[in-house]
Amino acid sequence: MVSRVQRIGGALLVSLCLVALAVPEAATAPPPGPTSSGGAGPVAQPKSLPQFTGGDPTAAPDLAQLLANAGRIDNNTQSTAPVDAYNPYTYNFGDPFGGYLKGVADVTTAQGKYLMQTQQAYLMREDVRRAQMDNRRRAFDLWKYINENTPSLEDTRAKERKELERRMMVDPPLPEIWSGAALNVLLNKSIDAMQNNKVQLPNIPIDEETLRKINISLGGKPINLGVLKNDGKLSIPAAIQNLAAPGAVEIREELQSLALKAFKDAKQGAVDRGTTRAMSMAVDRLRGILVKRVDDIPFPEYTEAKRFLGQVDDAIKALQEPGVGDFEKFKLKGNTVADVVKQMKDNGMKFAPAVAGEEGAYVSLHRALAAFNASNTLTADR
């Protein structure tokens, strides 16, 4: 009973205070009186007091409602702003406490957004790093795949060598046989077979007349004494013998005599440099005359003559080598292909180009070497 009386008394006290605040405003209003025109003007009405809402007017007012209604009065502008006494974050611009709470809320919200955006940036940076590492891994896998599936330089050479050997064994062009290129490829293959102790060498016979027509070079040098092997007597082709130009006959006879002298000097141990120089000059003059008569000579004869002059140049180079007088080193011996291969291997010999009229011997030797290598291949497969 006492508490109810106290609550009612407190409400009345607050009401009286609010009325006291409103009365001075009404007292300061201008008194009613005549207007400037002398007539009775409108009477100023005092401002209305705050209306208390909430049910029965005879009932005691609620303190919370009184405070809410009091918060709606602005002493300066009499404007109202929404105030919720039960929501501490509700504010108006005239209330310093409401602005402070809003500022704190804004700062808290901004700080939260900053932290969230920072972590999102970290996550995005990690995603970028992960993508970069994945790209590097893929690039490494691609590089590894290319390296594992790309043949090395040695593999490429081995493949090319096998392809060359197969082509030279099956059916190479005749110019490659006559030049000795095909024979040298099969010779290297035969030497490799001889070094393999597990392979039994086949017995492929070869006649002495064929070997006599085969030209060789020593030490791997591109020199050939083939045109001088008949004691220095040259087998001059028809295109050079039939040259009708002035001085052609004299040059041809001079070259023949110089070749005989050079061969004789070589057997004695050394060839005079003047002799080889004169031979080179005679070859150059014959070549110049031959080129001028190119339209008058059939192409096969012209080609044969050019090849002969080139072989004479090779013989001149051979005559200038030390120890050229030992012609026995330039002669092949043996009854089988294995004997010939062994002789050439021990002395570092290579096949030199064929001279005119001896191409058939090169074809026969090529077939013998091809049969020799084919037999070695079959034996190794077994």
Foldseek 3Di string as FASTA:
>chain_A
DVVVVVQLVVLVVLVVVQVVVQVVQQVPDDQWDADPVRHGDDGDDGDDGQDQDDDDPVDRGDPVSSVLSVQQQDPPPRHGDDDDPVDQQDDDPVDVSNVVSVVVVVVVVVVVVVVVVVVVVVVVVVVVVVVVVVVVVVVVVVVVVCVVPPDDPVVVVVVVLVVLLVQLLPDHDLVCLQQQVSVQSLLVLLVVLVVPPLFDFDFQFDDQVLQQQWWKDFPPDQATQNQCPVLQAGPQAPLQVPQPDPPSVVLVVLLSVLSNQLLVVLLVFAGDPVSLVSNVVSLVVSVVSLVVCVVVDDPVSSVLNVVSSVNSVRSSVLRHDGNSSPCVLGGADDTGPVSRSVSCVVRVMGTGGGHPPSSVSSVVVSNRSSVRSVSRVVRVVD
